[in-house]
Amino acid sequence: MKTNWAFRILVVMFLVTSVLQIAAAPSPVRNTSLATQSLVRLTVSNKSGETIYIRLEGPTIYILPVPWYTGEKVTFTVKRGLYKYSFKVCGITATGILDMTKQQLLIVPVCRYHSNKAKPDGNIRVDVSPQVRIVAVTITNKGNGTMLVILSGPTYYAFWIYAGQTAYYTITKGTYSVEYRGCGSSDTTSWTVYHGSKLSLFCPGG
């Protein structure tokens, strides 16, 4: 009698252990589904005429090489999330925020010195064209001390300009908020930049 009870107890313990192991085991189908949902496609249309290397910083860091091919696109798979992107093209560094919670198409337009290679594309999602429209400008410091001039707009710039100096730069076309510091004070102004634009700055508050 005792032997039968001992046998029954062993059988029950075996069944309970088996059920617990099955419940704890991961589901391959569920994991595959979650892995798929956590990835999203980034397509890059590089018309610049140059090979570029896109750096993405977000849930993961990626360095994505994108050669230039006329009329062709390159597709990458990345983790979903918000990324800061940066890459050098047309002599400048293009930067911005890329929302990779959904599929994106990144358009890199033709550089001006490769303009004969341009091709139209009506399916733009994220277009960095404004960042590669470079124009020549001058900034003159008419104060009596060195100034730090900070431009915030399509791109970010910071320049040190000596008293009486006229400095020549090539920057991205667009409208900027200008903060300038010197003569023991600071001030702000706005500046719409196009080719040949000139900005003269006096001591803040002067």
Protein backbone atom coordinates (compact mmCIF):
# COMPACT_ATOMS: atom_id res chain seq x y z
CA MET A 1 0.00 0.00 0.00
CA LYS A 2 2.80 2.35 0.94
CA THR A 3 4.52 1.47 -2.34
CA ASN A 4 1.42 2.50 -4.37
CA TRP A 5 1.16 5.85 -2.57
CA ALA A 6 4.86 6.51 -3.14
CA PHE A 7 4.47 5.70 -6.82
CA ARG A 8 1.46 8.00 -7.16
CA ILE A 9 3.32 10.85 -5.46
CA LEU A 10 6.26 10.45 -7.87
CA VAL A 11 3.92 10.50 -10.89
CA VAL A 12 2.17 13.70 -9.65
CA MET A 13 5.52 15.40 -9.02
CA PHE A 14 6.71 14.47 -12.51
CA LEU A 15 3.55 15.88 -14.14
CA VAL A 16 3.75 19.15 -12.15
CA THR A 17 7.41 19.59 -13.08
CA SER A 18 6.67 18.98 -16.77
CA VAL A 19 3.83 21.54 -16.80
CA LEU A 20 6.04 24.18 -15.14
CA GLN A 21 8.82 23.58 -17.66
CA ILE A 22 6.42 23.97 -20.59
CA ALA A 23 4.93 27.17 -19.13
CA ALA A 24 8.40 28.67 -18.62
CA ALA A 25 9.68 27.77 -22.09
CA PRO A 26 9.83 30.74 -24.57
CA SER A 27 7.60 30.65 -27.61
CA PRO A 28 9.66 30.76 -30.83
CA VAL A 29 6.71 32.22 -32.78
CA ARG A 30 6.14 35.02 -30.25
CA ASN A 31 9.84 35.96 -30.12
CA THR A 32 10.10 36.05 -33.90
CA SER A 33 7.07 38.33 -34.08
CA LEU A 34 8.49 40.72 -31.48
CA ALA A 35 11.86 40.80 -33.22
CA THR A 36 10.18 41.68 -36.50
CA GLN A 37 8.10 44.42 -34.89
CA SER A 38 11.20 46.03 -33.32
CA LEU A 39 12.87 46.60 -36.71
CA VAL A 40 12.03 49.13 -39.42
CA ARG A 41 13.39 49.98 -42.88
CA LEU A 42 15.40 53.10 -43.71
CA THR A 43 15.79 53.74 -47.43
CA VAL A 44 18.40 56.24 -48.63
CA SER A 45 18.35 57.90 -52.05
CA ASN A 46 21.82 59.38 -52.47
CA LYS A 47 21.93 61.78 -55.42
CA SER A 48 24.88 63.82 -54.16
CA GLY A 49 27.45 62.32 -56.52
CA GLU A 50 29.54 61.23 -53.51
CA THR A 51 29.73 58.19 -51.24
CA ILE A 52 28.43 59.15 -47.78
CA TYR A 53 28.57 57.52 -44.35
CA ILE A 54 25.47 58.14 -42.23
CA ARG A 55 25.93 57.96 -38.46
CA LEU A 56 22.77 57.19 -36.49
CA GLU A 57 22.72 57.59 -32.70
CA GLY A 58 19.66 56.33 -30.84
CA PRO A 59 18.58 52.96 -29.45
CA THR A 60 21.68 51.66 -31.27
CA ILE A 61 24.58 53.35 -33.05
CA TYR A 62 24.92 52.65 -36.77
CA ILE A 63 27.42 53.71 -39.43
CA LEU A 64 25.71 53.24 -42.79
CA PRO A 65 27.82 53.48 -45.97
CA VAL A 66 25.80 54.75 -48.93
CA PRO A 67 27.56 54.82 -52.33
CA TRP A 68 26.23 57.04 -55.08
CA TYR A 69 24.24 55.31 -57.82
CA THR A 70 22.08 57.19 -60.30
CA GLY A 71 18.41 56.39 -59.75
CA GLU A 72 19.05 53.65 -57.16
CA LYS A 73 18.20 53.47 -53.46
CA VAL A 74 19.87 51.58 -50.61
CA THR A 75 17.77 50.02 -47.84
CA PHE A 76 18.87 49.32 -44.25
CA THR A 77 17.07 47.69 -41.31
CA VAL A 78 17.42 49.41 -37.94
CA LYS A 79 15.83 49.25 -34.50
CA ARG A 80 12.73 51.39 -34.02
CA GLY A 81 13.17 54.69 -32.19
CA LEU A 82 14.35 58.28 -32.54
CA TYR A 83 17.85 58.84 -33.93
CA LYS A 84 20.18 61.76 -34.38
CA TYR A 85 21.74 61.52 -37.84
CA SER A 86 24.88 63.15 -39.21
CA PHE A 87 26.93 62.76 -42.37
CA LYS A 88 29.36 64.78 -44.46
CA VAL A 89 28.28 65.71 -47.97
CA CYS A 90 28.87 68.58 -50.41
CA GLY A 91 31.56 69.99 -48.12
CA ILE A 92 29.38 70.31 -45.00
CA THR A 93 28.01 68.14 -42.20
CA ALA A 94 24.26 67.53 -42.39
CA THR A 95 22.55 66.81 -39.06
CA GLY A 96 19.03 66.30 -37.77
CA ILE A 97 16.55 64.02 -36.03
CA LEU A 98 15.17 60.94 -37.77
CA ASP A 99 11.91 59.38 -36.55
CA MET A 100 12.49 55.68 -37.08
CA THR A 101 9.30 54.55 -35.34
CA LYS A 102 8.10 54.15 -38.93
CA GLN A 103 9.66 53.51 -42.34
CA GLN A 104 11.56 56.47 -43.73
CA LEU A 105 13.01 57.58 -47.05
CA LEU A 106 16.06 59.85 -46.68
CA ILE A 107 16.81 62.04 -49.71
CA VAL A 108 20.34 63.37 -50.19
CA PRO A 109 20.16 65.91 -53.03
CA VAL A 110 22.75 66.53 -55.71
CA CYS A 111 25.72 68.73 -54.81
CA ARG A 112 25.90 71.89 -56.87
CA TYR A 113 29.18 70.82 -58.46
CA HIS A 114 27.49 67.53 -59.52
CA SER A 115 24.32 69.24 -60.77
CA ASN A 116 24.41 67.45 -64.12
CA LYS A 117 23.67 64.21 -62.23
CA ALA A 118 20.43 65.41 -60.61
CA LYS A 119 17.26 63.39 -61.06
CA PRO A 120 13.78 64.33 -59.79
CA ASP A 121 12.11 62.27 -57.07
CA GLY A 122 8.53 63.01 -56.00
CA ASN A 123 8.52 60.59 -53.06
CA ILE A 124 10.40 62.63 -50.47
CA ARG A 125 10.06 61.82 -46.77
CA VAL A 126 13.12 63.36 -45.09
CA ASP A 127 14.88 65.81 -47.41
CA VAL A 128 18.22 67.31 -46.38
CA SER A 129 18.30 69.63 -49.40
CA PRO A 130 18.20 72.84 -47.30
CA GLN A 131 21.33 71.72 -45.48
CA VAL A 132 23.41 71.45 -48.64
CA ARG A 133 22.45 74.81 -50.19
CA ILE A 134 25.65 76.65 -49.36
CA VAL A 135 26.06 80.41 -49.86
CA ALA A 136 28.89 82.88 -49.27
CA VAL A 137 28.34 85.55 -46.57
CA THR A 138 30.31 88.12 -44.58
CA ILE A 139 30.11 89.06 -40.89
CA THR A 140 31.74 92.25 -39.64
CA ASN A 141 32.57 92.94 -36.01
CA LYS A 142 32.21 96.70 -35.52
CA GLY A 143 32.67 96.51 -31.76
CA ASN A 144 35.82 97.22 -29.79
CA GLY A 145 36.44 93.64 -28.66
CA THR A 146 36.45 90.05 -29.88
CA MET A 147 32.96 88.57 -30.37
CA LEU A 148 31.60 85.06 -30.23
CA VAL A 149 28.87 84.79 -32.88
CA ILE A 150 26.51 81.81 -32.68
CA LEU A 151 24.12 81.02 -35.54
CA SER A 152 21.21 78.63 -34.93
CA GLY A 153 19.02 77.68 -37.90
CA PRO A 154 19.19 75.14 -40.71
CA THR A 155 22.67 74.35 -39.35
CA TYR A 156 24.57 75.40 -36.21
CA TYR A 157 27.69 77.58 -36.41
CA ALA A 158 29.92 79.37 -33.92
CA PHE A 159 32.57 81.92 -34.95
CA TRP A 160 35.13 84.04 -33.10
CA ILE A 161 35.54 87.42 -34.84
CA TYR A 162 38.13 90.01 -33.82
CA ALA A 163 37.35 93.71 -33.35
CA GLY A 164 37.17 95.44 -36.73
CA GLN A 165 37.42 92.16 -38.64
CA THR A 166 35.26 91.27 -41.64
CA ALA A 167 35.07 87.48 -41.80
CA TYR A 168 34.06 85.48 -44.87
CA TYR A 169 32.16 82.20 -44.53
CA THR A 170 30.17 79.72 -46.58
CA ILE A 171 27.10 78.58 -44.66
CA THR A 172 23.73 76.96 -45.27
CA LYS A 173 21.06 79.17 -46.79
CA GLY A 174 18.09 79.98 -44.51
CA THR A 175 16.95 82.02 -41.50
CA TYR A 176 19.06 82.07 -38.33
CA SER A 177 18.79 83.22 -34.77
CA VAL A 178 22.03 85.07 -34.05
CA GLU A 179 23.49 85.32 -30.55
CA TYR A 180 26.59 87.49 -30.24
CA ARG A 181 28.69 87.92 -27.13
CA GLY A 182 31.34 90.58 -26.55
CA CYS A 183 32.18 93.84 -24.79
CA GLY A 184 31.05 92.25 -21.52
CA SER A 185 27.47 91.62 -22.68
CA SER A 186 25.35 89.64 -25.15
CA ASP A 187 22.39 90.15 -27.46
CA THR A 188 20.36 88.35 -30.13
CA THR A 189 19.02 89.16 -33.55
CA SER A 190 17.69 87.29 -36.59
CA TRP A 191 19.33 86.98 -40.00
CA THR A 192 17.94 85.64 -43.27
CA VAL A 193 20.87 84.31 -45.27
CA TYR A 194 21.17 84.18 -49.04
CA HIS A 195 24.16 84.46 -51.38
CA GLY A 196 26.13 87.61 -50.64
CA SER A 197 24.38 88.39 -47.32
CA LYS A 198 26.23 90.74 -44.94
CA LEU A 199 25.87 91.07 -41.19
CA SER A 200 27.37 93.91 -39.13
CA LEU A 201 27.47 93.58 -35.35
CA PHE A 202 28.17 96.28 -32.77
CA CYS A 203 28.84 95.79 -29.07
CA PRO A 204 25.68 94.34 -27.47
CA GLY A 205 23.63 97.13 -25.91
CA GLY A 206 25.80 99.76 -27.57
